[in-house]
Amino acid sequence: MRRTFARLATAVLLAATGFAAGAQVPAAAQGVVPWTVATAANEFGADRANYSYTAEPGEQVRDGLVIANRGTAPLDLAVYSADAFTTAAGQLDLVTRDTRSHGVGAWVHPAADHVTLPPGQSADVPFTLTIPPDATPGDHLGGLVTSVRQGDVERRLGLRVHLRVGGALTPRLSVEDARVDYSGTPNPFGTGEATLSYTIRNTGNAIAAARQTASVTGPFGTFATPSAPIPDSPQLLPGETWHVVTSVHDVVPAVRLSAAVSVTPLLTDASGSTAPLPAVPSVASGWAVPWALVVLLAVACAPAAVLLARRHRGKTEVDSRVDGEVAEEISATAEN
């Protein structure tokens, strides 16, 4: 329970400070922490929103973090690096300090793991980013974090570190576990609702979002019904997944349904421009039996079925009686 509460507080702080959006918020506007963090002004530029580098395996990058105490009391802040991940809410977050990092969080090394700041003072913390010789090409994301623990709550303020390792960039998404389920209607001549569910997986080595469309059809492409607009997925890191559930209304219960899902990867370049890549299709199928209509037809056909049964029973009785009379005649003839 304590870990859950601390994690929730961390996520709120990182969202408030613009970690996911890539922008800093003034401390007065945050109303949560009395300090700020910023990138150092150097050959990489000044007033950067976050850290962004392109480097080759084996290279080393040197940069700096500026921490300022805007409060009225001294601060003792922890400084560390951590890997990034996408939360279930679609926000970028950083793993907690007690969680082992394997990417950028393990490659960034601050010169100090703690900083003590009097009120109104600031400090520069240099750091190095050392790319392993066997680092895979593509996007790697992490962050630099400053934090202070107050009881069970860890208050954190961080900046994103985006690294693109040189080599072939292969943005790619896949659609997995596609499924379509149908919810019927009590109206025998009405339409129902289909629920589509599937998982988008980033199988490439570039951070990408997904633009999605979906539709449902009956046999041989009949009764095509598009889904309502589906929001783009968040930016997914390589290897991450995003589960999608969407509804399609006014679906004809055509016994067997086919669902078509199309996912278009959206790749954002260094300038912030987003380019769509070729769409990735996927299909699924499911049953949509019009049970209300089946019951109605059964009820409508019941009297005819009873009448036919009676006629068959009457014919059987007549045939049995005739057969009996014929048998008696044959027996009498044989005796004479």
C-alpha atoms as a PDB file:
ATOM      1  CA  MET A   1       0.000   0.000   0.000  1.00  0.00           C
ATOM      2  CA  ARG A   2       2.867   2.362   0.839  1.00  0.00           C
ATOM      3  CA  ARG A   3       4.597   1.657  -2.490  1.00  0.00           C
ATOM      4  CA  THR A   4       1.326   2.260  -4.318  1.00  0.00           C
ATOM      5  CA  PHE A   5       0.779   5.613  -2.597  1.00  0.00           C
ATOM      6  CA  ALA A   6       4.353   6.724  -3.226  1.00  0.00           C
ATOM      7  CA  ARG A   7       4.112   5.680  -6.878  1.00  0.00           C
ATOM      8  CA  LEU A   8       0.860   7.617  -7.301  1.00  0.00           C
ATOM      9  CA  ALA A   9       2.424  10.740  -5.809  1.00  0.00           C
ATOM     10  CA  THR A  10       5.416  10.350  -8.106  1.00  0.00           C
ATOM     11  CA  ALA A  11       3.235  10.030 -11.196  1.00  0.00           C
ATOM     12  CA  VAL A  12       1.257  13.131 -10.236  1.00  0.00           C
ATOM     13  CA  LEU A  13       4.433  15.147  -9.748  1.00  0.00           C
ATOM     14  CA  LEU A  14       6.000  14.074 -13.011  1.00  0.00           C
ATOM     15  CA  ALA A  15       2.803  14.859 -14.887  1.00  0.00           C
ATOM     16  CA  ALA A  16       2.542  18.251 -13.182  1.00  0.00           C
ATOM     17  CA  THR A  17       6.118  19.130 -14.083  1.00  0.00           C
ATOM     18  CA  GLY A  18       5.557  18.341 -17.719  1.00  0.00           C
ATOM     19  CA  PHE A  19       7.731  15.207 -17.959  1.00  0.00           C
ATOM     20  CA  ALA A  20       5.281  13.629 -20.357  1.00  0.00           C
ATOM     21  CA  ALA A  21       4.672  16.849 -22.254  1.00  0.00           C
ATOM     22  CA  GLY A  22       8.338  17.827 -22.358  1.00  0.00           C
ATOM     23  CA  ALA A  23       7.988  21.230 -20.705  1.00  0.00           C
ATOM     24  CA  GLN A  24       8.894  22.713 -17.332  1.00  0.00           C
ATOM     25  CA  VAL A  25       6.273  24.321 -15.095  1.00  0.00           C
ATOM     26  CA  PRO A  26       7.302  27.146 -12.717  1.00  0.00           C
ATOM     27  CA  ALA A  27       7.438  26.077  -9.065  1.00  0.00           C
ATOM     28  CA  ALA A  28       4.745  28.581  -8.131  1.00  0.00           C
ATOM     29  CA  ALA A  29       2.381  26.969 -10.620  1.00  0.00           C
ATOM     30  CA  GLN A  30       3.209  23.461  -9.391  1.00  0.00           C
ATOM     31  CA  GLY A  31       2.202  24.210  -5.817  1.00  0.00           C
ATOM     32  CA  VAL A  32       3.872  20.911  -4.857  1.00  0.00           C
ATOM     33  CA  VAL A  33       7.670  21.160  -4.704  1.00  0.00           C
ATOM     34  CA  PRO A  34       9.848  24.159  -3.765  1.00  0.00           C
ATOM     35  CA  TRP A  35      12.604  23.489  -6.280  1.00  0.00           C
ATOM     36  CA  THR A  36      13.103  23.511 -10.057  1.00  0.00           C
ATOM     37  CA  VAL A  37      15.287  21.587 -12.470  1.00  0.00           C
ATOM     38  CA  ALA A  38      16.651  22.738 -15.834  1.00  0.00           C
ATOM     39  CA  THR A  39      19.195  21.743 -18.441  1.00  0.00           C
ATOM     40  CA  ALA A  40      22.639  23.330 -18.274  1.00  0.00           C
ATOM     41  CA  ALA A  41      23.512  25.950 -20.904  1.00  0.00           C
ATOM     42  CA  ASN A  42      26.389  24.590 -23.001  1.00  0.00           C
ATOM     43  CA  GLU A  43      27.253  23.476 -26.547  1.00  0.00           C
ATOM     44  CA  PHE A  44      23.943  21.574 -26.705  1.00  0.00           C
ATOM     45  CA  GLY A  45      22.005  24.829 -26.275  1.00  0.00           C
ATOM     46  CA  ALA A  46      20.211  26.837 -23.626  1.00  0.00           C
ATOM     47  CA  ASP A  47      16.657  26.659 -22.270  1.00  0.00           C
ATOM     48  CA  ARG A  48      16.168  23.112 -23.541  1.00  0.00           C
ATOM     49  CA  ALA A  49      12.948  21.454 -22.452  1.00  0.00           C
ATOM     50  CA  ASN A  50      14.668  18.074 -22.089  1.00  0.00           C
ATOM     51  CA  TYR A  51      17.843  16.239 -23.065  1.00  0.00           C
ATOM     52  CA  SER A  52      18.033  14.759 -26.550  1.00  0.00           C
ATOM     53  CA  TYR A  53      21.090  13.127 -28.112  1.00  0.00           C
ATOM     54  CA  THR A  54      22.118  11.113 -31.145  1.00  0.00           C
ATOM     55  CA  ALA A  55      25.244   9.035 -30.568  1.00  0.00           C
ATOM     56  CA  GLU A  56      27.022   5.873 -31.639  1.00  0.00           C
ATOM     57  CA  PRO A  57      27.629   2.767 -29.500  1.00  0.00           C
ATOM     58  CA  GLY A  58      30.671   3.264 -27.303  1.00  0.00           C
ATOM     59  CA  GLU A  59      30.462   7.066 -27.297  1.00  0.00           C
ATOM     60  CA  GLN A  60      30.191   9.250 -24.209  1.00  0.00           C
ATOM     61  CA  VAL A  61      28.146  12.441 -23.785  1.00  0.00           C
ATOM     62  CA  ARG A  62      28.792  15.038 -21.067  1.00  0.00           C
ATOM     63  CA  ASP A  63      26.065  17.449 -19.943  1.00  0.00           C
ATOM     64  CA  GLY A  64      24.675  19.038 -16.822  1.00  0.00           C
ATOM     65  CA  LEU A  65      21.592  19.498 -14.626  1.00  0.00           C
ATOM     66  CA  VAL A  66      20.769  22.762 -12.833  1.00  0.00           C
ATOM     67  CA  ILE A  67      18.807  22.497  -9.563  1.00  0.00           C
ATOM     68  CA  ALA A  68      17.451  25.613  -7.807  1.00  0.00           C
ATOM     69  CA  ASN A  69      15.878  25.898  -4.362  1.00  0.00           C
ATOM     70  CA  ARG A  70      12.959  28.342  -4.665  1.00  0.00           C
ATOM     71  CA  GLY A  71      11.687  27.697  -1.139  1.00  0.00           C
ATOM     72  CA  THR A  72      12.433  29.159   2.273  1.00  0.00           C
ATOM     73  CA  ALA A  73      14.006  26.096   3.869  1.00  0.00           C
ATOM     74  CA  PRO A  74      17.161  24.081   3.057  1.00  0.00           C
ATOM     75  CA  LEU A  75      16.725  21.086   0.774  1.00  0.00           C
ATOM     76  CA  ASP A  76      18.562  17.780   0.716  1.00  0.00           C
ATOM     77  CA  LEU A  77      17.728  16.212  -2.639  1.00  0.00           C
ATOM     78  CA  ALA A  78      18.605  12.812  -4.035  1.00  0.00           C
ATOM     79  CA  VAL A  79      19.810  12.801  -7.640  1.00  0.00           C
ATOM     80  CA  TYR A  80      19.582   9.680  -9.809  1.00  0.00           C
ATOM     81  CA  SER A  81      18.761   8.400 -13.284  1.00  0.00           C
ATOM     82  CA  ALA A  82      15.976   5.978 -14.252  1.00  0.00           C
ATOM     83  CA  ASP A  83      14.456   4.203 -17.227  1.00  0.00           C
ATOM     84  CA  ALA A  84      11.198   5.494 -18.677  1.00  0.00           C
ATOM     85  CA  PHE A  85       7.955   3.630 -19.361  1.00  0.00           C
ATOM     86  CA  THR A  86       4.411   4.390 -20.505  1.00  0.00           C
ATOM     87  CA  THR A  87       1.760   4.140 -17.801  1.00  0.00           C
ATOM     88  CA  ALA A  88      -1.689   2.627 -18.225  1.00  0.00           C
ATOM     89  CA  ALA A  89      -3.001   6.198 -18.469  1.00  0.00           C
ATOM     90  CA  GLY A  90      -0.748   6.863 -21.479  1.00  0.00           C
ATOM     91  CA  GLN A  91       1.729   9.120 -19.641  1.00  0.00           C
ATOM     92  CA  LEU A  92       5.509   8.775 -19.622  1.00  0.00           C
ATOM     93  CA  ASP A  93       6.881   7.998 -16.182  1.00  0.00           C
ATOM     94  CA  LEU A  94      10.199   6.927 -14.636  1.00  0.00           C
ATOM     95  CA  VAL A  95      10.765   3.781 -12.612  1.00  0.00           C
ATOM     96  CA  THR A  96      11.298   4.291  -8.901  1.00  0.00           C
ATOM     97  CA  ARG A  97      14.746   4.514  -7.382  1.00  0.00           C
ATOM     98  CA  ASP A  98      14.590   0.979  -5.974  1.00  0.00           C
ATOM     99  CA  THR A  99      13.785  -0.466  -9.430  1.00  0.00           C
ATOM    100  CA  ARG A 100      16.793  -1.536 -11.461  1.00  0.00           C
ATOM    101  CA  SER A 101      17.265   0.259 -14.784  1.00  0.00           C
ATOM    102  CA  HIS A 102      18.696  -1.488 -17.848  1.00  0.00           C
ATOM    103  CA  GLY A 103      18.771   1.303 -20.447  1.00  0.00           C
ATOM    104  CA  VAL A 104      19.325   5.041 -20.218  1.00  0.00           C
ATOM    105  CA  GLY A 105      18.781   4.886 -16.469  1.00  0.00           C
ATOM    106  CA  ALA A 106      21.832   2.641 -16.186  1.00  0.00           C
ATOM    107  CA  TRP A 107      23.938   4.593 -18.704  1.00  0.00           C
ATOM    108  CA  VAL A 108      23.559   8.063 -17.146  1.00  0.00           C
ATOM    109  CA  HIS A 109      25.830   8.772 -14.173  1.00  0.00           C
ATOM    110  CA  PRO A 110      25.356  12.045 -12.211  1.00  0.00           C
ATOM    111  CA  ALA A 111      28.490  13.425 -10.571  1.00  0.00           C
ATOM    112  CA  ALA A 112      26.620  13.582  -7.235  1.00  0.00           C
ATOM    113  CA  ASP A 113      23.848  11.432  -5.806  1.00  0.00           C
ATOM    114  CA  HIS A 114      22.768  14.099  -3.285  1.00  0.00           C
ATOM    115  CA  VAL A 115      22.631  17.895  -3.337  1.00  0.00           C
ATOM    116  CA  THR A 116      22.074  20.164  -0.325  1.00  0.00           C
ATOM    117  CA  LEU A 117      20.750  23.606  -1.229  1.00  0.00           C
ATOM    118  CA  PRO A 118      20.147  26.610   1.044  1.00  0.00           C
ATOM    119  CA  PRO A 119      17.081  28.741   0.222  1.00  0.00           C
ATOM    120  CA  GLY A 120      17.477  30.742  -2.978  1.00  0.00           C
ATOM    121  CA  GLN A 121      20.608  28.836  -4.062  1.00  0.00           C
ATOM    122  CA  SER A 122      21.226  26.662  -7.127  1.00  0.00           C
ATOM    123  CA  ALA A 123      23.718  23.945  -8.040  1.00  0.00           C
ATOM    124  CA  ASP A 124      25.086  22.493 -11.275  1.00  0.00           C
ATOM    125  CA  VAL A 125      25.317  18.697 -11.345  1.00  0.00           C
ATOM    126  CA  PRO A 126      27.400  17.382 -14.264  1.00  0.00           C
ATOM    127  CA  PHE A 127      26.594  13.949 -15.637  1.00  0.00           C
ATOM    128  CA  THR A 128      27.920  11.563 -18.255  1.00  0.00           C
ATOM    129  CA  LEU A 129      25.948   9.372 -20.609  1.00  0.00           C
ATOM    130  CA  THR A 130      28.048   6.376 -21.655  1.00  0.00           C
ATOM    131  CA  ILE A 131      26.553   4.319 -24.496  1.00  0.00           C
ATOM    132  CA  PRO A 132      27.558   0.651 -24.240  1.00  0.00           C
ATOM    133  CA  PRO A 133      29.439  -0.775 -27.267  1.00  0.00           C
ATOM    134  CA  ASP A 134      26.643  -3.338 -27.728  1.00  0.00           C
ATOM    135  CA  ALA A 135      23.761  -0.834 -27.441  1.00  0.00           C
ATOM    136  CA  THR A 136      21.035  -1.600 -29.954  1.00  0.00           C
ATOM    137  CA  PRO A 137      20.212   0.989 -32.639  1.00  0.00           C
ATOM    138  CA  GLY A 138      17.120   3.123 -32.185  1.00  0.00           C
ATOM    139  CA  ASP A 139      15.373   5.041 -29.419  1.00  0.00           C
ATOM    140  CA  HIS A 140      16.123   4.731 -25.712  1.00  0.00           C
ATOM    141  CA  LEU A 141      14.342   6.830 -23.098  1.00  0.00           C
ATOM    142  CA  GLY A 142      15.006   7.599 -19.479  1.00  0.00           C
ATOM    143  CA  GLY A 143      15.359  10.590 -17.219  1.00  0.00           C
ATOM    144  CA  LEU A 144      17.262  12.447 -14.515  1.00  0.00           C
ATOM    145  CA  VAL A 145      15.389  12.695 -11.233  1.00  0.00           C
ATOM    146  CA  THR A 146      15.674  14.881  -8.147  1.00  0.00           C
ATOM    147  CA  SER A 147      13.658  13.770  -5.161  1.00  0.00           C
ATOM    148  CA  VAL A 148      12.976  14.173  -1.464  1.00  0.00           C
ATOM    149  CA  ARG A 149      11.121  11.667   0.692  1.00  0.00           C
ATOM    150  CA  GLN A 150       8.555  12.915   3.214  1.00  0.00           C
ATOM    151  CA  GLY A 151       7.097  10.006   5.139  1.00  0.00           C
ATOM    152  CA  ASP A 152       5.683   7.524   2.658  1.00  0.00           C
ATOM    153  CA  VAL A 153       5.677  10.019  -0.190  1.00  0.00           C
ATOM    154  CA  GLU A 154       8.605  10.526  -2.553  1.00  0.00           C
ATOM    155  CA  ARG A 155       8.312  13.907  -4.259  1.00  0.00           C
ATOM    156  CA  ARG A 156      10.178  13.861  -7.553  1.00  0.00           C
ATOM    157  CA  LEU A 157      11.024  16.329 -10.270  1.00  0.00           C
ATOM    158  CA  GLY A 158      12.653  15.068 -13.445  1.00  0.00           C
ATOM    159  CA  LEU A 159      13.792  15.802 -16.975  1.00  0.00           C
ATOM    160  CA  ARG A 160      13.572  13.392 -19.868  1.00  0.00           C
ATOM    161  CA  VAL A 161      16.695  11.959 -21.524  1.00  0.00           C
ATOM    162  CA  HIS A 162      16.053  10.796 -25.096  1.00  0.00           C
ATOM    163  CA  LEU A 163      18.878   8.924 -26.811  1.00  0.00           C
ATOM    164  CA  ARG A 164      18.860   7.685 -30.402  1.00  0.00           C
ATOM    165  CA  VAL A 165      21.666   5.209 -30.993  1.00  0.00           C
ATOM    166  CA  GLY A 166      23.066   5.188 -34.527  1.00  0.00           C
ATOM    167  CA  GLY A 167      22.211   2.352 -36.892  1.00  0.00           C
ATOM    168  CA  ALA A 168      19.211   1.243 -38.920  1.00  0.00           C
ATOM    169  CA  LEU A 169      15.983   2.786 -37.598  1.00  0.00           C
ATOM    170  CA  THR A 170      13.114   0.323 -38.011  1.00  0.00           C
ATOM    171  CA  PRO A 171       9.827   1.742 -36.718  1.00  0.00           C
ATOM    172  CA  ARG A 172       7.274  -1.039 -36.624  1.00  0.00           C
ATOM    173  CA  LEU A 173       3.985  -1.845 -34.875  1.00  0.00           C
ATOM    174  CA  SER A 174       1.979  -5.059 -34.758  1.00  0.00           C
ATOM    175  CA  VAL A 175      -1.597  -5.914 -33.759  1.00  0.00           C
ATOM    176  CA  GLU A 176      -2.037  -8.926 -31.483  1.00  0.00           C
ATOM    177  CA  ASP A 177      -4.923 -10.855 -29.911  1.00  0.00           C
ATOM    178  CA  ALA A 178      -7.633  -9.163 -31.986  1.00  0.00           C
ATOM    179  CA  ARG A 179     -11.113 -10.232 -30.912  1.00  0.00           C
ATOM    180  CA  VAL A 180     -14.716  -9.270 -31.702  1.00  0.00           C
ATOM    181  CA  ASP A 181     -17.684  -9.940 -29.375  1.00  0.00           C
ATOM    182  CA  TYR A 182     -21.318  -9.240 -30.167  1.00  0.00           C
ATOM    183  CA  SER A 183     -24.036  -8.048 -27.768  1.00  0.00           C
ATOM    184  CA  GLY A 184     -27.499  -8.829 -29.092  1.00  0.00           C
ATOM    185  CA  THR A 185     -30.762  -6.915 -28.947  1.00  0.00           C
ATOM    186  CA  PRO A 186     -34.260  -7.974 -27.765  1.00  0.00           C
ATOM    187  CA  ASN A 187     -35.625  -6.566 -31.041  1.00  0.00           C
ATOM    188  CA  PRO A 188     -35.668  -9.539 -33.456  1.00  0.00           C
ATOM    189  CA  PHE A 189     -35.227  -7.176 -36.404  1.00  0.00           C
ATOM    190  CA  GLY A 190     -32.843  -4.744 -34.688  1.00  0.00           C
ATOM    191  CA  THR A 191     -29.089  -4.281 -34.628  1.00  0.00           C
ATOM    192  CA  GLY A 192     -26.663  -4.772 -31.757  1.00  0.00           C
ATOM    193  CA  GLU A 193     -23.223  -3.700 -30.617  1.00  0.00           C
ATOM    194  CA  ALA A 194     -19.870  -5.290 -31.333  1.00  0.00           C
ATOM    195  CA  THR A 195     -16.877  -4.836 -29.041  1.00  0.00           C
ATOM    196  CA  LEU A 196     -13.422  -4.960 -30.598  1.00  0.00           C
ATOM    197  CA  SER A 197     -10.358  -5.555 -28.467  1.00  0.00           C
ATOM    198  CA  TYR A 198      -6.728  -5.882 -29.493  1.00  0.00           C
ATOM    199  CA  THR A 199      -3.200  -5.102 -28.357  1.00  0.00           C
ATOM    200  CA  ILE A 200      -0.753  -2.844 -30.189  1.00  0.00           C
ATOM    201  CA  ARG A 201       2.886  -3.817 -29.717  1.00  0.00           C
ATOM    202  CA  ASN A 202       5.902  -1.703 -30.679  1.00  0.00           C
ATOM    203  CA  THR A 203       8.036  -4.351 -32.353  1.00  0.00           C
ATOM    204  CA  GLY A 204      10.491  -1.848 -33.865  1.00  0.00           C
ATOM    205  CA  ASN A 205      13.327   0.166 -32.363  1.00  0.00           C
ATOM    206  CA  ALA A 206      11.787   3.642 -32.599  1.00  0.00           C
ATOM    207  CA  ILE A 207       9.303   5.401 -30.325  1.00  0.00           C
ATOM    208  CA  ALA A 208       6.003   5.559 -32.197  1.00  0.00           C
ATOM    209  CA  ALA A 209       2.304   6.187 -31.663  1.00  0.00           C
ATOM    210  CA  ALA A 210      -0.537   4.441 -33.506  1.00  0.00           C
ATOM    211  CA  ARG A 211      -3.407   5.910 -35.520  1.00  0.00           C
ATOM    212  CA  GLN A 212      -6.277   3.427 -35.629  1.00  0.00           C
ATOM    213  CA  THR A 213      -9.384   2.588 -37.630  1.00  0.00           C
ATOM    214  CA  ALA A 214     -11.690  -0.405 -37.328  1.00  0.00           C
ATOM    215  CA  SER A 215     -14.859  -1.790 -38.910  1.00  0.00           C
ATOM    216  CA  VAL A 216     -17.143  -4.818 -38.732  1.00  0.00           C
ATOM    217  CA  THR A 217     -18.743  -6.700 -41.640  1.00  0.00           C
ATOM    218  CA  GLY A 218     -20.948  -9.705 -42.174  1.00  0.00           C
ATOM    219  CA  PRO A 219     -20.234 -12.645 -44.508  1.00  0.00           C
ATOM    220  CA  PHE A 220     -18.663 -11.683 -47.859  1.00  0.00           C
ATOM    221  CA  GLY A 221     -18.221  -8.076 -46.736  1.00  0.00           C
ATOM    222  CA  THR A 222     -21.931  -7.363 -46.243  1.00  0.00           C
ATOM    223  CA  PHE A 223     -23.366  -4.917 -43.686  1.00  0.00           C
ATOM    224  CA  ALA A 224     -20.085  -2.998 -43.274  1.00  0.00           C
ATOM    225  CA  THR A 225     -20.157  -0.814 -40.157  1.00  0.00           C
ATOM    226  CA  PRO A 226     -17.246   1.454 -39.133  1.00  0.00           C
ATOM    227  CA  SER A 227     -16.336   2.011 -35.502  1.00  0.00           C
ATOM    228  CA  ALA A 228     -16.470   5.408 -33.845  1.00  0.00           C
ATOM    229  CA  PRO A 229     -13.202   7.398 -34.118  1.00  0.00           C
ATOM    230  CA  ILE A 230     -10.464   5.794 -32.007  1.00  0.00           C
ATOM    231  CA  PRO A 231      -7.946   8.149 -30.339  1.00  0.00           C
ATOM    232  CA  ASP A 232      -4.298   7.769 -31.274  1.00  0.00           C
ATOM    233  CA  SER A 233      -2.318   5.654 -28.861  1.00  0.00           C
ATOM    234  CA  PRO A 234       0.330   7.320 -26.702  1.00  0.00           C
ATOM    235  CA  GLN A 235       3.967   7.240 -27.733  1.00  0.00           C
ATOM    236  CA  LEU A 236       5.084   3.661 -27.181  1.00  0.00           C
ATOM    237  CA  LEU A 237       8.658   2.789 -26.396  1.00  0.00           C
ATOM    238  CA  PRO A 238      10.227  -0.177 -28.217  1.00  0.00           C
ATOM    239  CA  GLY A 239       8.791  -3.381 -26.760  1.00  0.00           C
ATOM    240  CA  GLU A 240       5.817  -1.710 -25.068  1.00  0.00           C
ATOM    241  CA  THR A 241       2.156  -2.630 -25.613  1.00  0.00           C
ATOM    242  CA  TRP A 242      -1.135  -0.713 -25.564  1.00  0.00           C
ATOM    243  CA  HIS A 243      -4.500  -2.438 -25.098  1.00  0.00           C
ATOM    244  CA  VAL A 244      -7.464  -1.041 -27.054  1.00  0.00           C
ATOM    245  CA  VAL A 245     -11.184  -1.690 -26.573  1.00  0.00           C
ATOM    246  CA  THR A 246     -13.696   0.046 -28.846  1.00  0.00           C
ATOM    247  CA  SER A 247     -17.383  -0.362 -29.664  1.00  0.00           C
ATOM    248  CA  VAL A 248     -19.123  -0.573 -33.026  1.00  0.00           C
ATOM    249  CA  HIS A 249     -22.810   0.321 -32.950  1.00  0.00           C
ATOM    250  CA  ASP A 250     -25.702  -0.692 -35.237  1.00  0.00           C
ATOM    251  CA  VAL A 251     -24.158  -4.025 -36.185  1.00  0.00           C
ATOM    252  CA  VAL A 252     -26.418  -6.447 -38.058  1.00  0.00           C
ATOM    253  CA  PRO A 253     -26.352  -9.900 -36.400  1.00  0.00           C
ATOM    254  CA  ALA A 254     -25.271 -11.682 -39.576  1.00  0.00           C
ATOM    255  CA  VAL A 255     -24.366 -14.937 -37.749  1.00  0.00           C
ATOM    256  CA  ARG A 256     -20.623 -14.582 -38.453  1.00  0.00           C
ATOM    257  CA  LEU A 257     -18.814 -11.262 -38.138  1.00  0.00           C
ATOM    258  CA  SER A 258     -15.417 -10.156 -39.399  1.00  0.00           C
ATOM    259  CA  ALA A 259     -13.538  -7.261 -37.811  1.00  0.00           C
ATOM    260  CA  ALA A 260     -10.824  -5.336 -39.653  1.00  0.00           C
ATOM    261  CA  VAL A 261      -8.318  -3.267 -37.684  1.00  0.00           C
ATOM    262  CA  SER A 262      -5.801  -0.927 -39.315  1.00  0.00           C
ATOM    263  CA  VAL A 263      -2.935   0.610 -37.313  1.00  0.00           C
ATOM    264  CA  THR A 264      -0.767   3.349 -38.830  1.00  0.00           C
ATOM    265  CA  PRO A 265       2.550   3.999 -37.040  1.00  0.00           C
ATOM    266  CA  LEU A 266       3.253   7.688 -36.349  1.00  0.00           C
ATOM    267  CA  LEU A 267       6.947   8.543 -36.158  1.00  0.00           C
ATOM    268  CA  THR A 268       8.070  11.904 -34.729  1.00  0.00           C
ATOM    269  CA  ASP A 269      11.431  13.264 -35.899  1.00  0.00           C
ATOM    270  CA  ALA A 270      13.877  15.502 -34.053  1.00  0.00           C
ATOM    271  CA  SER A 271      12.088  18.655 -35.253  1.00  0.00           C
ATOM    272  CA  GLY A 272       8.775  17.504 -33.796  1.00  0.00           C
ATOM    273  CA  SER A 273       7.151  16.692 -37.157  1.00  0.00           C
ATOM    274  CA  THR A 274       5.062  13.531 -37.269  1.00  0.00           C
ATOM    275  CA  ALA A 275       5.053  11.306 -40.352  1.00  0.00           C
ATOM    276  CA  PRO A 276       2.645   8.377 -40.906  1.00  0.00           C
ATOM    277  CA  LEU A 277       4.116   5.062 -42.058  1.00  0.00           C
ATOM    278  CA  PRO A 278       2.383   2.242 -44.000  1.00  0.00           C
ATOM    279  CA  ALA A 279      -0.644   0.862 -42.177  1.00  0.00           C
ATOM    280  CA  VAL A 280      -0.608  -2.534 -40.472  1.00  0.00           C
ATOM    281  CA  PRO A 281      -3.827  -4.545 -41.004  1.00  0.00           C
ATOM    282  CA  SER A 282      -5.306  -7.226 -38.776  1.00  0.00           C
ATOM    283  CA  VAL A 283      -8.543  -9.232 -38.805  1.00  0.00           C
ATOM    284  CA  ALA A 284     -10.664 -11.138 -36.300  1.00  0.00           C
ATOM    285  CA  SER A 285     -13.957 -13.004 -36.431  1.00  0.00           C
ATOM    286  CA  GLY A 286     -16.755 -13.899 -34.044  1.00  0.00           C
ATOM    287  CA  TRP A 287     -20.324 -15.128 -33.841  1.00  0.00           C
ATOM    288  CA  ALA A 288     -23.372 -12.862 -33.954  1.00  0.00           C
ATOM    289  CA  VAL A 289     -26.392 -15.153 -33.822  1.00  0.00           C
ATOM    290  CA  PRO A 290     -29.741 -13.246 -33.900  1.00  0.00           C
ATOM    291  CA  TRP A 291     -31.238 -15.206 -30.995  1.00  0.00           C
ATOM    292  CA  ALA A 292     -34.303 -12.974 -30.680  1.00  0.00           C
ATOM    293  CA  LEU A 293     -35.161 -13.667 -34.322  1.00  0.00           C
ATOM    294  CA  VAL A 294     -34.468 -17.374 -33.854  1.00  0.00           C
ATOM    295  CA  VAL A 295     -36.863 -17.489 -30.886  1.00  0.00           C
ATOM    296  CA  LEU A 296     -39.494 -15.524 -32.824  1.00  0.00           C
ATOM    297  CA  LEU A 297     -39.288 -17.917 -35.760  1.00  0.00           C
ATOM    298  CA  ALA A 298     -39.463 -20.872 -33.395  1.00  0.00           C
ATOM    299  CA  VAL A 299     -42.616 -19.484 -31.773  1.00  0.00           C
ATOM    300  CA  ALA A 300     -44.129 -18.679 -35.171  1.00  0.00           C
ATOM    301  CA  CYS A 301     -43.392 -22.153 -36.490  1.00  0.00           C
ATOM    302  CA  ALA A 302     -44.597 -23.962 -33.372  1.00  0.00           C
ATOM    303  CA  PRO A 303     -48.324 -24.226 -34.432  1.00  0.00           C
ATOM    304  CA  ALA A 304     -47.364 -25.583 -37.844  1.00  0.00           C
ATOM    305  CA  ALA A 305     -45.040 -28.071 -36.204  1.00  0.00           C
ATOM    306  CA  VAL A 306     -47.821 -29.215 -33.838  1.00  0.00           C
ATOM    307  CA  LEU A 307     -50.272 -29.559 -36.767  1.00  0.00           C
ATOM    308  CA  LEU A 308     -47.784 -31.599 -38.772  1.00  0.00           C
ATOM    309  CA  ALA A 309     -47.133 -33.799 -35.754  1.00  0.00           C
ATOM    310  CA  ARG A 310     -50.845 -34.409 -35.295  1.00  0.00           C
ATOM    311  CA  ARG A 311     -51.295 -35.236 -38.967  1.00  0.00           C
ATOM    312  CA  HIS A 312     -48.337 -37.589 -38.839  1.00  0.00           C
ATOM    313  CA  ARG A 313     -49.715 -39.254 -35.698  1.00  0.00           C
ATOM    314  CA  GLY A 314     -53.174 -39.582 -37.282  1.00  0.00           C
ATOM    315  CA  LYS A 315     -51.706 -41.048 -40.455  1.00  0.00           C
ATOM    316  CA  THR A 316     -49.671 -43.467 -38.386  1.00  0.00           C
ATOM    317  CA  GLU A 317     -52.790 -44.602 -36.501  1.00  0.00           C
ATOM    318  CA  VAL A 318     -54.703 -45.096 -39.782  1.00  0.00           C
ATOM    319  CA  ASP A 319     -51.806 -46.972 -41.329  1.00  0.00           C
ATOM    320  CA  SER A 320     -51.551 -49.182 -38.251  1.00  0.00           C
ATOM    321  CA  ARG A 321     -55.287 -49.932 -38.343  1.00  0.00           C
ATOM    322  CA  VAL A 322     -55.182 -50.721 -42.053  1.00  0.00           C
ATOM    323  CA  ASP A 323     -52.137 -52.900 -41.574  1.00  0.00           C
ATOM    324  CA  GLY A 324     -53.961 -54.749 -38.791  1.00  0.00           C
ATOM    325  CA  GLU A 325     -57.056 -55.349 -40.917  1.00  0.00           C
ATOM    326  CA  VAL A 326     -54.958 -56.593 -43.827  1.00  0.00           C
ATOM    327  CA  ALA A 327     -53.105 -58.918 -41.493  1.00  0.00           C
ATOM    328  CA  GLU A 328     -56.413 -60.329 -40.166  1.00  0.00           C
ATOM    329  CA  GLU A 329     -57.701 -60.920 -43.710  1.00  0.00           C
ATOM    330  CA  ILE A 330     -54.504 -62.688 -44.676  1.00  0.00           C
ATOM    331  CA  SER A 331     -54.730 -64.861 -41.542  1.00  0.00           C
ATOM    332  CA  ALA A 332     -58.394 -65.745 -42.212  1.00  0.00           C
ATOM    333  CA  THR A 333     -57.635 -66.641 -45.806  1.00  0.00           C
ATOM    334  CA  ALA A 334     -54.817 -68.910 -44.720  1.00  0.00           C
ATOM    335  CA  GLU A 335     -57.077 -70.795 -42.266  1.00  0.00           C
ATOM    336  CA  ASN A 336     -59.696 -71.434 -45.003  1.00  0.00           C
END
